[in-house]
Structure formats: structure tokens, C-alpha cells
């Protein structure tokens, strides 16, 4: 039997929860309900239609390891501010989202999830987003750009990423374990222009399979960064165009074992780290050594 907590505006289940019970529960008169919490309900396999709960503000079903399907109505709750679905290990598909009030979205550790949800319309209230251990998602949709208020984005272990994830207000961007990065231009992706990432201050790539193509024309989208980290990249040089990065004062290329040459140095650089860059010689770094800056 399920235990009920704070039934007036909130419903939480902390023990057994079956689809039959949940469906029966949703047939009741629930127009005043603002919060549903089904975290760790191991018998919940399908999320039914929730369109009859128009005032729902918070919906959480984290750790529901037998959950395999969500009703599309979840994506059309106009007042929903919080949606948590972490660690639903059997969930394969997430419906499209048209949630103008959404502030918190958590999808990490859904190891079977095959798609990041399409974002229908502008969604400007989500400020931070982390996407961790989602091995079945190969890339993010172009509609990711509709997260217009996103300021901090952290992504782990994606096969493919491109610059469409650099939303207009993004200021802190961190990627760990990306296998392929691609800069988009107007021919590759609709609405992706050269200034799309103009607000980024901190850009960090850890253990990503970056090569010299990273320094193509799209690289100039990062000219306002103050911090740039390229750990364990497969780059062979730092480009001359980095001299145009007038705001960059912290540059880190630790463990870039193939790095051979530094062709340009940001004019206001204060800290440079090149630990274990085993291919970098004194001649290849001469342009840097002619400048005075701390090295850690």
C-alpha cells in the first residue's frame, strides 16, 4: 500500500507504486494539485495522461527504474516549473516539451534514453543544465537553441556535439568526454550565426577528441572568453588568430601530447598551463617565451 504525504496540494509516494494505482489516482478531481513526486517507485512502468492537472508546478519521478513510457501530455503543462527524471534507466523516449514556465530540468543518468526532448517554442527560464551519462543520445536537436535563457551548460560523454548548443545567453560551457565537435555555419544549421556564442566567458573541453579543425572559422565565436581549457586534445598547434582573444587571461592545454607549436598568444594572457605537452619544443613555444606571464 502506498503512503500519502501532504495530500492537499502535493502527492508523494515513497513505497510501492503501481500503474493501476497511479491511473486511479489521476481519475480523481485534482485541479488544485501543484506537486507530484513519484521518486523511486519501482512498480511505476508508464506515466499516464496528466492533462487534467492544469495547475501542476512540480513533477518528479527520479529513480523509477521500471518506467518505460511517458505520456505526451507531460510536455504541455503550462505552469510546470520543475521536471525531474534522473536515473530512469529503462526510459527510452522523452516527449517534446512546450513548457514556458520550466526552470529546472533533470535528465541525467537515464542510460537508455535515446533522445533529448525537442523544445517546442522559446523556453527562457532554465538557467542551468547538466547532461551526464546519457550514452544512447548521439546528439542534441537544433531546437536546443530554444533554451534561450540558458547560462550554464555541462555535458558529459556525448558522441557528437556541435555549436548549436551554444545558446545566445550561455556564459559557462563545460564538456567532458565528447568524441566529436563540429562548428556550424549558416549552411549547416538554420539560425546558427558567427555571434551565437558571443556571451561565453568560460569554455572548457576535458578529454574531448578535438583536433586542429577546432580552430576553423567557428573558433572565432569564442573571442570573448576569459578562460579556455583544452585538456587532452589532439591539437598540434595554437592558432595565430588567438591573438584576437583580448579578454582571454587563462589558457590551459594540459596533456595535449601532440601540441607542437604556439603561433599566437592572447595579448592579455595572465596564466598559461602546458603540463605534459610532450611534443612542444622551445622553438615551437618561442613566441610564448618572449612574453612575461606566470606559468603553472
C-alpha atoms as a PDB file:
ATOM      1  CA  UNK A   1       0.000   0.000   0.000  1.00  0.00           C
ATOM      2  CA  UNK A   2       1.282   3.449  -0.874  1.00  0.00           C
ATOM      3  CA  UNK A   3       1.974   6.039   1.771  1.00  0.00           C
ATOM      4  CA  UNK A   4       0.495   9.512   1.080  1.00  0.00           C
ATOM      5  CA  UNK A   5       2.155  12.709   2.280  1.00  0.00           C
ATOM      6  CA  UNK A   6       0.773  16.291   2.242  1.00  0.00           C
ATOM      7  CA  UNK A   7      -2.221  15.427   0.089  1.00  0.00           C
ATOM      8  CA  UNK A   8      -3.732  18.948  -0.084  1.00  0.00           C
ATOM      9  CA  UNK A   9      -1.500  20.308  -2.831  1.00  0.00           C
ATOM     10  CA  UNK A  10       1.229  17.688  -3.001  1.00  0.00           C
ATOM     11  CA  UNK A  11       1.245  13.940  -3.542  1.00  0.00           C
ATOM     12  CA  UNK A  12       4.314  11.843  -2.780  1.00  0.00           C
ATOM     13  CA  UNK A  13       4.821   8.102  -2.816  1.00  0.00           C
ATOM     14  CA  UNK A  14       7.794   6.594  -1.046  1.00  0.00           C
ATOM     15  CA  UNK A  15       6.910   2.914  -1.114  1.00  0.00           C
ATOM     16  CA  UNK A  16       5.240   0.666  -3.704  1.00  0.00           C
ATOM     17  CA  UNK A  17       3.539   2.424  -6.599  1.00  0.00           C
ATOM     18  CA  UNK A  18       1.681   0.629  -9.377  1.00  0.00           C
ATOM     19  CA  UNK A  19       0.410   1.890 -12.678  1.00  0.00           C
ATOM     20  CA  UNK A  20      -3.105   0.826 -11.664  1.00  0.00           C
ATOM     21  CA  UNK A  21      -2.996   2.948  -8.519  1.00  0.00           C
ATOM     22  CA  UNK A  22      -1.484   5.939 -10.313  1.00  0.00           C
ATOM     23  CA  UNK A  23      -4.097   5.777 -13.067  1.00  0.00           C
ATOM     24  CA  UNK A  24      -6.890   5.553 -10.474  1.00  0.00           C
ATOM     25  CA  UNK A  25      -5.352   8.495  -8.626  1.00  0.00           C
ATOM     26  CA  UNK A  26      -5.336  10.648 -11.753  1.00  0.00           C
ATOM     27  CA  UNK A  27      -9.033   9.985 -12.324  1.00  0.00           C
ATOM     28  CA  UNK A  28      -9.807  11.936  -9.169  1.00  0.00           C
ATOM     29  CA  UNK A  29     -10.571  15.648  -9.090  1.00  0.00           C
ATOM     30  CA  UNK A  30      -7.104  17.196  -8.966  1.00  0.00           C
ATOM     31  CA  UNK A  31      -7.355  20.710 -10.343  1.00  0.00           C
ATOM     32  CA  UNK A  32      -5.731  22.103  -7.166  1.00  0.00           C
ATOM     33  CA  UNK A  33      -2.761  19.730  -7.189  1.00  0.00           C
ATOM     34  CA  UNK A  34       0.564  21.559  -7.667  1.00  0.00           C
ATOM     35  CA  UNK A  35       3.148  18.853  -6.969  1.00  0.00           C
ATOM     36  CA  UNK A  36       3.550  15.164  -7.810  1.00  0.00           C
ATOM     37  CA  UNK A  37       6.520  13.182  -6.512  1.00  0.00           C
ATOM     38  CA  UNK A  38       6.909   9.524  -7.506  1.00  0.00           C
ATOM     39  CA  UNK A  39      10.648   9.189  -6.855  1.00  0.00           C
ATOM     40  CA  UNK A  40      11.954   5.620  -6.595  1.00  0.00           C
ATOM     41  CA  UNK A  41       8.608   3.962  -7.356  1.00  0.00           C
ATOM     42  CA  UNK A  42       9.843   0.644  -8.669  1.00  0.00           C
ATOM     43  CA  UNK A  43       6.431  -0.569  -9.917  1.00  0.00           C
ATOM     44  CA  UNK A  44       5.650   2.516 -11.981  1.00  0.00           C
ATOM     45  CA  UNK A  45       6.065   1.499 -15.637  1.00  0.00           C
ATOM     46  CA  UNK A  46       4.093   4.136 -17.574  1.00  0.00           C
ATOM     47  CA  UNK A  47       3.222   7.755 -16.859  1.00  0.00           C
ATOM     48  CA  UNK A  48      -0.425   8.310 -17.899  1.00  0.00           C
ATOM     49  CA  UNK A  49      -2.158  11.410 -19.203  1.00  0.00           C
ATOM     50  CA  UNK A  50      -1.665  14.349 -16.801  1.00  0.00           C
ATOM     51  CA  UNK A  51      -3.510  16.957 -18.831  1.00  0.00           C
ATOM     52  CA  UNK A  52      -6.289  17.051 -16.211  1.00  0.00           C
ATOM     53  CA  UNK A  53      -3.852  18.536 -13.663  1.00  0.00           C
ATOM     54  CA  UNK A  54      -3.582  22.041 -15.149  1.00  0.00           C
ATOM     55  CA  UNK A  55      -2.022  23.660 -12.070  1.00  0.00           C
ATOM     56  CA  UNK A  56       0.830  21.186 -11.690  1.00  0.00           C
ATOM     57  CA  UNK A  57       4.080  23.035 -10.936  1.00  0.00           C
ATOM     58  CA  UNK A  58       6.449  20.256  -9.876  1.00  0.00           C
ATOM     59  CA  UNK A  59       6.698  16.737 -11.270  1.00  0.00           C
ATOM     60  CA  UNK A  60       9.387  14.310 -10.173  1.00  0.00           C
ATOM     61  CA  UNK A  61       9.856  10.619 -10.921  1.00  0.00           C
ATOM     62  CA  UNK A  62      13.563  10.120 -10.303  1.00  0.00           C
ATOM     63  CA  UNK A  63      14.913   6.621  -9.850  1.00  0.00           C
ATOM     64  CA  UNK A  64      11.869   4.850 -11.332  1.00  0.00           C
ATOM     65  CA  UNK A  65      13.894   2.018 -12.809  1.00  0.00           C
ATOM     66  CA  UNK A  66      10.943   0.235 -14.446  1.00  0.00           C
ATOM     67  CA  UNK A  67       9.473   3.315 -16.093  1.00  0.00           C
ATOM     68  CA  UNK A  68       9.472   2.791 -19.871  1.00  0.00           C
ATOM     69  CA  UNK A  69       6.998   5.366 -21.277  1.00  0.00           C
ATOM     70  CA  UNK A  70       5.793   8.924 -20.671  1.00  0.00           C
ATOM     71  CA  UNK A  71       2.528  10.369 -21.911  1.00  0.00           C
ATOM     72  CA  UNK A  72       2.992  13.316 -24.285  1.00  0.00           C
ATOM     73  CA  UNK A  73       0.816  15.481 -22.021  1.00  0.00           C
ATOM     74  CA  UNK A  74       3.836  15.923 -19.725  1.00  0.00           C
ATOM     75  CA  UNK A  75       5.243  18.299 -22.312  1.00  0.00           C
ATOM     76  CA  UNK A  76       2.245  20.654 -22.253  1.00  0.00           C
ATOM     77  CA  UNK A  77       1.845  21.696 -18.606  1.00  0.00           C
ATOM     78  CA  UNK A  78       1.931  25.478 -18.803  1.00  0.00           C
ATOM     79  CA  UNK A  79       2.610  26.036 -15.111  1.00  0.00           C
ATOM     80  CA  UNK A  80       5.273  23.364 -14.642  1.00  0.00           C
ATOM     81  CA  UNK A  81       8.481  24.828 -13.188  1.00  0.00           C
ATOM     82  CA  UNK A  82      10.306  21.627 -12.192  1.00  0.00           C
ATOM     83  CA  UNK A  83      10.661  18.355 -14.089  1.00  0.00           C
ATOM     84  CA  UNK A  84      12.950  15.692 -12.647  1.00  0.00           C
ATOM     85  CA  UNK A  85      13.502  12.385 -14.405  1.00  0.00           C
ATOM     86  CA  UNK A  86      17.026  11.392 -13.368  1.00  0.00           C
ATOM     87  CA  UNK A  87      18.087   7.742 -13.188  1.00  0.00           C
ATOM     88  CA  UNK A  88      15.097   6.253 -15.035  1.00  0.00           C
ATOM     89  CA  UNK A  89      17.299   3.580 -16.516  1.00  0.00           C
ATOM     90  CA  UNK A  90      14.722   1.926 -18.827  1.00  0.00           C
ATOM     91  CA  UNK A  91      13.148   5.070 -20.237  1.00  0.00           C
ATOM     92  CA  UNK A  92      13.947   5.273 -23.960  1.00  0.00           C
ATOM     93  CA  UNK A  93      11.957   8.239 -25.271  1.00  0.00           C
ATOM     94  CA  UNK A  94      11.167  11.669 -23.882  1.00  0.00           C
ATOM     95  CA  UNK A  95       8.224  13.554 -25.411  1.00  0.00           C
ATOM     96  CA  UNK A  96       8.523  17.068 -26.895  1.00  0.00           C
ATOM     97  CA  UNK A  97       8.403  19.876 -24.344  1.00  0.00           C
ATOM     98  CA  UNK A  98       6.424  23.088 -24.610  1.00  0.00           C
ATOM     99  CA  UNK A  99       6.855  24.295 -21.031  1.00  0.00           C
ATOM    100  CA  UNK A 100       7.199  28.095 -20.915  1.00  0.00           C
ATOM    101  CA  UNK A 101       7.408  28.189 -17.089  1.00  0.00           C
ATOM    102  CA  UNK A 102      10.038  25.436 -16.713  1.00  0.00           C
ATOM    103  CA  UNK A 103      13.039  26.426 -14.570  1.00  0.00           C
ATOM    104  CA  UNK A 104      14.616  23.069 -13.651  1.00  0.00           C
ATOM    105  CA  UNK A 105      15.062  20.085 -15.985  1.00  0.00           C
ATOM    106  CA  UNK A 106      16.982  16.997 -14.847  1.00  0.00           C
ATOM    107  CA  UNK A 107      17.520  14.045 -17.177  1.00  0.00           C
ATOM    108  CA  UNK A 108      20.964  12.718 -16.244  1.00  0.00           C
ATOM    109  CA  UNK A 109      21.732   9.019 -15.705  1.00  0.00           C
ATOM    110  CA  UNK A 110      18.865   7.830 -17.936  1.00  0.00           C
ATOM    111  CA  UNK A 111      21.109   5.231 -19.523  1.00  0.00           C
ATOM    112  CA  UNK A 112      18.575   4.012 -22.131  1.00  0.00           C
ATOM    113  CA  UNK A 113      17.253   7.408 -23.215  1.00  0.00           C
ATOM    114  CA  UNK A 114      17.713   7.808 -26.965  1.00  0.00           C
ATOM    115  CA  UNK A 115      16.721  11.443 -27.430  1.00  0.00           C
ATOM    116  CA  UNK A 116      16.937  14.790 -25.762  1.00  0.00           C
ATOM    117  CA  UNK A 117      13.394  16.195 -25.964  1.00  0.00           C
ATOM    118  CA  UNK A 118      12.514  18.584 -28.745  1.00  0.00           C
ATOM    119  CA  UNK A 119      11.999  22.049 -27.283  1.00  0.00           C
ATOM    120  CA  UNK A 120       8.822  23.480 -28.802  1.00  0.00           C
ATOM    121  CA  UNK A 121       8.894  27.256 -28.603  1.00  0.00           C
ATOM    122  CA  UNK A 122      11.069  29.581 -26.567  1.00  0.00           C
ATOM    123  CA  UNK A 123      11.862  28.344 -23.065  1.00  0.00           C
ATOM    124  CA  UNK A 124      13.726  31.115 -21.304  1.00  0.00           C
ATOM    125  CA  UNK A 125      13.619  30.282 -17.593  1.00  0.00           C
ATOM    126  CA  UNK A 126      16.056  27.356 -17.467  1.00  0.00           C
ATOM    127  CA  UNK A 127      19.375  28.901 -16.377  1.00  0.00           C
ATOM    128  CA  UNK A 128      21.454  25.798 -15.642  1.00  0.00           C
ATOM    129  CA  UNK A 129      21.506  22.362 -17.270  1.00  0.00           C
ATOM    130  CA  UNK A 130      23.711  19.310 -16.771  1.00  0.00           C
ATOM    131  CA  UNK A 131      23.519  16.273 -19.047  1.00  0.00           C
ATOM    132  CA  UNK A 132      25.522  13.404 -17.566  1.00  0.00           C
ATOM    133  CA  UNK A 133      25.752   9.724 -18.519  1.00  0.00           C
ATOM    134  CA  UNK A 134      23.257   9.627 -21.345  1.00  0.00           C
ATOM    135  CA  UNK A 135      25.174   7.168 -23.565  1.00  0.00           C
ATOM    136  CA  UNK A 136      22.363   6.471 -26.042  1.00  0.00           C
ATOM    137  CA  UNK A 137      21.864  10.114 -27.038  1.00  0.00           C
ATOM    138  CA  UNK A 138      24.101  10.702 -30.045  1.00  0.00           C
ATOM    139  CA  UNK A 139      23.492  14.430 -30.494  1.00  0.00           C
ATOM    140  CA  UNK A 140      21.288  17.285 -29.332  1.00  0.00           C
ATOM    141  CA  UNK A 141      18.483  18.628 -31.553  1.00  0.00           C
ATOM    142  CA  UNK A 142      18.657  22.022 -33.258  1.00  0.00           C
ATOM    143  CA  UNK A 143      15.647  23.023 -31.131  1.00  0.00           C
ATOM    144  CA  UNK A 144      18.061  23.083 -28.171  1.00  0.00           C
ATOM    145  CA  UNK A 145      18.554  26.709 -29.245  1.00  0.00           C
ATOM    146  CA  UNK A 146      15.064  27.420 -27.879  1.00  0.00           C
ATOM    147  CA  UNK A 147      16.533  27.284 -24.365  1.00  0.00           C
ATOM    148  CA  UNK A 148      17.045  30.999 -24.727  1.00  0.00           C
ATOM    149  CA  UNK A 149      17.792  31.760 -21.072  1.00  0.00           C
ATOM    150  CA  UNK A 150      20.428  29.054 -20.552  1.00  0.00           C
ATOM    151  CA  UNK A 151      23.558  30.461 -18.883  1.00  0.00           C
ATOM    152  CA  UNK A 152      25.420  27.372 -17.642  1.00  0.00           C
ATOM    153  CA  UNK A 153      25.692  24.092 -19.547  1.00  0.00           C
ATOM    154  CA  UNK A 154      27.638  20.966 -18.589  1.00  0.00           C
ATOM    155  CA  UNK A 155      27.731  17.901 -20.854  1.00  0.00           C
ATOM    156  CA  UNK A 156      29.431  14.536 -20.282  1.00  0.00           C
ATOM    157  CA  UNK A 157      30.154  11.642 -22.637  1.00  0.00           C
ATOM    158  CA  UNK A 158      28.269  12.578 -25.800  1.00  0.00           C
ATOM    159  CA  UNK A 159      29.339  11.081 -29.114  1.00  0.00           C
ATOM    160  CA  UNK A 160      28.642  14.192 -31.197  1.00  0.00           C
ATOM    161  CA  UNK A 161      28.199  17.838 -30.314  1.00  0.00           C
ATOM    162  CA  UNK A 162      28.035  20.938 -32.461  1.00  0.00           C
ATOM    163  CA  UNK A 163      27.900  24.659 -31.883  1.00  0.00           C
ATOM    164  CA  UNK A 164      24.096  24.737 -31.945  1.00  0.00           C
ATOM    165  CA  UNK A 165      24.323  24.004 -28.196  1.00  0.00           C
ATOM    166  CA  UNK A 166      25.903  27.425 -27.686  1.00  0.00           C
ATOM    167  CA  UNK A 167      22.707  29.243 -26.886  1.00  0.00           C
ATOM    168  CA  UNK A 168      22.671  33.076 -27.045  1.00  0.00           C
ATOM    169  CA  UNK A 169      22.865  33.742 -23.275  1.00  0.00           C
ATOM    170  CA  UNK A 170      25.329  30.955 -22.457  1.00  0.00           C
ATOM    171  CA  UNK A 171      28.280  32.156 -20.360  1.00  0.00           C
ATOM    172  CA  UNK A 172      29.728  28.937 -18.838  1.00  0.00           C
ATOM    173  CA  UNK A 173      30.200  25.892 -21.067  1.00  0.00           C
ATOM    174  CA  UNK A 174      31.869  22.641 -19.959  1.00  0.00           C
ATOM    175  CA  UNK A 175      32.209  19.409 -21.950  1.00  0.00           C
ATOM    176  CA  UNK A 176      33.801  16.171 -20.755  1.00  0.00           C
ATOM    177  CA  UNK A 177      34.387  13.158 -22.969  1.00  0.00           C
ATOM    178  CA  UNK A 178      32.894  14.370 -26.273  1.00  0.00           C
ATOM    179  CA  UNK A 179      34.021  12.233 -29.223  1.00  0.00           C
ATOM    180  CA  UNK A 180      33.325  14.770 -31.976  1.00  0.00           C
ATOM    181  CA  UNK A 181      32.831  18.542 -32.070  1.00  0.00           C
ATOM    182  CA  UNK A 182      31.658  20.487 -35.107  1.00  0.00           C
ATOM    183  CA  UNK A 183      31.294  24.203 -35.731  1.00  0.00           C
ATOM    184  CA  UNK A 184      28.123  25.007 -37.652  1.00  0.00           C
ATOM    185  CA  UNK A 185      27.621  27.834 -40.086  1.00  0.00           C
ATOM    186  CA  UNK A 186      24.581  29.103 -41.960  1.00  0.00           C
ATOM    187  CA  UNK A 187      24.850  26.251 -44.452  1.00  0.00           C
ATOM    188  CA  UNK A 188      24.923  23.550 -41.770  1.00  0.00           C
ATOM    189  CA  UNK A 189      22.306  24.717 -39.318  1.00  0.00           C
ATOM    190  CA  UNK A 190      19.448  27.165 -39.528  1.00  0.00           C
ATOM    191  CA  UNK A 191      19.818  30.219 -37.329  1.00  0.00           C
ATOM    192  CA  UNK A 192      23.393  29.467 -36.269  1.00  0.00           C
ATOM    193  CA  UNK A 193      25.470  32.554 -36.879  1.00  0.00           C
ATOM    194  CA  UNK A 194      29.005  33.716 -36.156  1.00  0.00           C
ATOM    195  CA  UNK A 195      27.977  35.589 -32.985  1.00  0.00           C
ATOM    196  CA  UNK A 196      25.871  32.845 -31.410  1.00  0.00           C
ATOM    197  CA  UNK A 197      28.385  32.282 -28.601  1.00  0.00           C
ATOM    198  CA  UNK A 198      29.389  35.892 -28.048  1.00  0.00           C
ATOM    199  CA  UNK A 199      28.492  35.820 -24.333  1.00  0.00           C
ATOM    200  CA  UNK A 200      30.629  32.814 -23.359  1.00  0.00           C
ATOM    201  CA  UNK A 201      33.167  33.674 -20.663  1.00  0.00           C
ATOM    202  CA  UNK A 202      34.394  30.214 -19.690  1.00  0.00           C
ATOM    203  CA  UNK A 203      34.773  27.400 -22.223  1.00  0.00           C
ATOM    204  CA  UNK A 204      36.195  24.078 -21.039  1.00  0.00           C
ATOM    205  CA  UNK A 205      36.776  20.879 -23.024  1.00  0.00           C
ATOM    206  CA  UNK A 206      38.064  17.935 -20.956  1.00  0.00           C
ATOM    207  CA  UNK A 207      39.218  14.720 -22.644  1.00  0.00           C
ATOM    208  CA  UNK A 208      37.436  15.528 -25.887  1.00  0.00           C
ATOM    209  CA  UNK A 209      38.593  14.312 -29.278  1.00  0.00           C
ATOM    210  CA  UNK A 210      39.424  17.796 -30.551  1.00  0.00           C
ATOM    211  CA  UNK A 211      41.801  18.171 -33.464  1.00  0.00           C
ATOM    212  CA  UNK A 212      43.123  21.128 -35.445  1.00  0.00           C
ATOM    213  CA  UNK A 213      39.717  21.611 -37.101  1.00  0.00           C
ATOM    214  CA  UNK A 214      38.596  23.094 -33.793  1.00  0.00           C
ATOM    215  CA  UNK A 215      40.487  26.226 -34.836  1.00  0.00           C
ATOM    216  CA  UNK A 216      38.466  26.749 -38.022  1.00  0.00           C
ATOM    217  CA  UNK A 217      36.387  29.876 -38.604  1.00  0.00           C
ATOM    218  CA  UNK A 218      33.868  28.871 -35.951  1.00  0.00           C
ATOM    219  CA  UNK A 219      36.537  29.167 -33.269  1.00  0.00           C
ATOM    220  CA  UNK A 220      36.192  32.940 -33.517  1.00  0.00           C
ATOM    221  CA  UNK A 221      32.782  32.633 -31.870  1.00  0.00           C
ATOM    222  CA  UNK A 222      34.721  32.375 -28.600  1.00  0.00           C
ATOM    223  CA  UNK A 223      36.566  35.692 -28.785  1.00  0.00           C
ATOM    224  CA  UNK A 224      35.049  36.970 -25.523  1.00  0.00           C
ATOM    225  CA  UNK A 225      36.134  34.074 -23.338  1.00  0.00           C
ATOM    226  CA  UNK A 226      38.241  34.852 -20.300  1.00  0.00           C
ATOM    227  CA  UNK A 227      39.048  31.196 -19.656  1.00  0.00           C
ATOM    228  CA  UNK A 228      39.762  28.460 -22.200  1.00  0.00           C
ATOM    229  CA  UNK A 229      40.599  24.863 -21.245  1.00  0.00           C
ATOM    230  CA  UNK A 230      41.547  22.224 -23.835  1.00  0.00           C
ATOM    231  CA  UNK A 231      42.656  19.205 -21.789  1.00  0.00           C
ATOM    232  CA  UNK A 232      43.910  16.096 -23.595  1.00  0.00           C
ATOM    233  CA  UNK A 233      43.065  17.494 -27.029  1.00  0.00           C
ATOM    234  CA  UNK A 234      44.661  16.176 -30.214  1.00  0.00           C
ATOM    235  CA  UNK A 235      45.613  19.643 -31.450  1.00  0.00           C
ATOM    236  CA  UNK A 236      49.076  20.191 -32.920  1.00  0.00           C
ATOM    237  CA  UNK A 237      49.147  23.991 -32.671  1.00  0.00           C
ATOM    238  CA  UNK A 238      47.575  27.039 -31.101  1.00  0.00           C
ATOM    239  CA  UNK A 239      46.462  29.292 -33.953  1.00  0.00           C
ATOM    240  CA  UNK A 240      47.660  32.783 -34.759  1.00  0.00           C
ATOM    241  CA  UNK A 241      44.062  34.048 -34.587  1.00  0.00           C
ATOM    242  CA  UNK A 242      44.046  33.537 -30.816  1.00  0.00           C
ATOM    243  CA  UNK A 243      45.772  36.929 -30.687  1.00  0.00           C
ATOM    244  CA  UNK A 244      42.274  38.350 -31.268  1.00  0.00           C
ATOM    245  CA  UNK A 245      41.080  36.945 -27.934  1.00  0.00           C
ATOM    246  CA  UNK A 246      41.613  40.170 -25.999  1.00  0.00           C
ATOM    247  CA  UNK A 247      39.619  39.022 -22.951  1.00  0.00           C
ATOM    248  CA  UNK A 248      41.391  35.681 -22.551  1.00  0.00           C
ATOM    249  CA  UNK A 249      43.624  35.691 -19.463  1.00  0.00           C
ATOM    250  CA  UNK A 250      43.635  31.989 -18.522  1.00  0.00           C
ATOM    251  CA  UNK A 251      44.642  29.336 -21.102  1.00  0.00           C
ATOM    252  CA  UNK A 252      45.071  25.664 -20.239  1.00  0.00           C
ATOM    253  CA  UNK A 253      46.301  22.962 -22.650  1.00  0.00           C
ATOM    254  CA  UNK A 254      47.386  20.322 -20.128  1.00  0.00           C
ATOM    255  CA  UNK A 255      48.057  16.795 -21.509  1.00  0.00           C
ATOM    256  CA  UNK A 256      47.905  17.902 -25.159  1.00  0.00           C
ATOM    257  CA  UNK A 257      50.643  15.464 -26.135  1.00  0.00           C
ATOM    258  CA  UNK A 258      50.543  16.328 -29.849  1.00  0.00           C
ATOM    259  CA  UNK A 259      50.860  20.092 -29.393  1.00  0.00           C
ATOM    260  CA  UNK A 260      53.978  21.190 -31.274  1.00  0.00           C
ATOM    261  CA  UNK A 261      53.657  24.891 -31.962  1.00  0.00           C
ATOM    262  CA  UNK A 262      52.259  28.106 -30.500  1.00  0.00           C
ATOM    263  CA  UNK A 263      51.556  30.529 -33.329  1.00  0.00           C
ATOM    264  CA  UNK A 264      49.782  33.234 -31.385  1.00  0.00           C
ATOM    265  CA  UNK A 265      49.348  34.460 -27.820  1.00  0.00           C
ATOM    266  CA  UNK A 266      46.366  36.366 -26.404  1.00  0.00           C
ATOM    267  CA  UNK A 267      47.571  39.903 -25.586  1.00  0.00           C
ATOM    268  CA  UNK A 268      46.203  39.942 -22.016  1.00  0.00           C
ATOM    269  CA  UNK A 269      47.128  36.419 -21.001  1.00  0.00           C
ATOM    270  CA  UNK A 270      47.960  36.063 -17.297  1.00  0.00           C
ATOM    271  CA  UNK A 271      48.167  32.300 -16.812  1.00  0.00           C
ATOM    272  CA  UNK A 272      49.228  29.555 -19.213  1.00  0.00           C
ATOM    273  CA  UNK A 273      49.436  25.828 -18.417  1.00  0.00           C
ATOM    274  CA  UNK A 274      51.005  23.269 -20.744  1.00  0.00           C
ATOM    275  CA  UNK A 275      51.876  20.408 -18.388  1.00  0.00           C
ATOM    276  CA  UNK A 276      52.793  17.149 -20.168  1.00  0.00           C
ATOM    277  CA  UNK A 277      52.672  18.676 -23.645  1.00  0.00           C
ATOM    278  CA  UNK A 278      55.490  16.324 -24.622  1.00  0.00           C
ATOM    279  CA  UNK A 279      55.762  17.403 -28.277  1.00  0.00           C
ATOM    280  CA  UNK A 280      56.107  21.115 -27.541  1.00  0.00           C
ATOM    281  CA  UNK A 281      59.686  22.297 -28.051  1.00  0.00           C
ATOM    282  CA  UNK A 282      61.422  25.540 -27.147  1.00  0.00           C
ATOM    283  CA  UNK A 283      61.330  26.621 -30.801  1.00  0.00           C
ATOM    284  CA  UNK A 284      57.635  25.817 -31.055  1.00  0.00           C
ATOM    285  CA  UNK A 285      56.911  27.907 -27.977  1.00  0.00           C
ATOM    286  CA  UNK A 286      59.332  30.744 -28.662  1.00  0.00           C
ATOM    287  CA  UNK A 287      56.555  33.271 -29.303  1.00  0.00           C
ATOM    288  CA  UNK A 288      55.179  32.499 -25.840  1.00  0.00           C
ATOM    289  CA  UNK A 289      58.561  32.574 -24.112  1.00  0.00           C
ATOM    290  CA  UNK A 290      59.113  36.087 -25.380  1.00  0.00           C
ATOM    291  CA  UNK A 291      56.217  37.245 -23.234  1.00  0.00           C
ATOM    292  CA  UNK A 292      56.278  37.564 -19.456  1.00  0.00           C
ATOM    293  CA  UNK A 293      53.417  35.721 -17.725  1.00  0.00           C
ATOM    294  CA  UNK A 294      53.025  33.253 -14.852  1.00  0.00           C
ATOM    295  CA  UNK A 295      53.135  29.580 -15.808  1.00  0.00           C
ATOM    296  CA  UNK A 296      51.751  26.870 -13.504  1.00  0.00           C
END
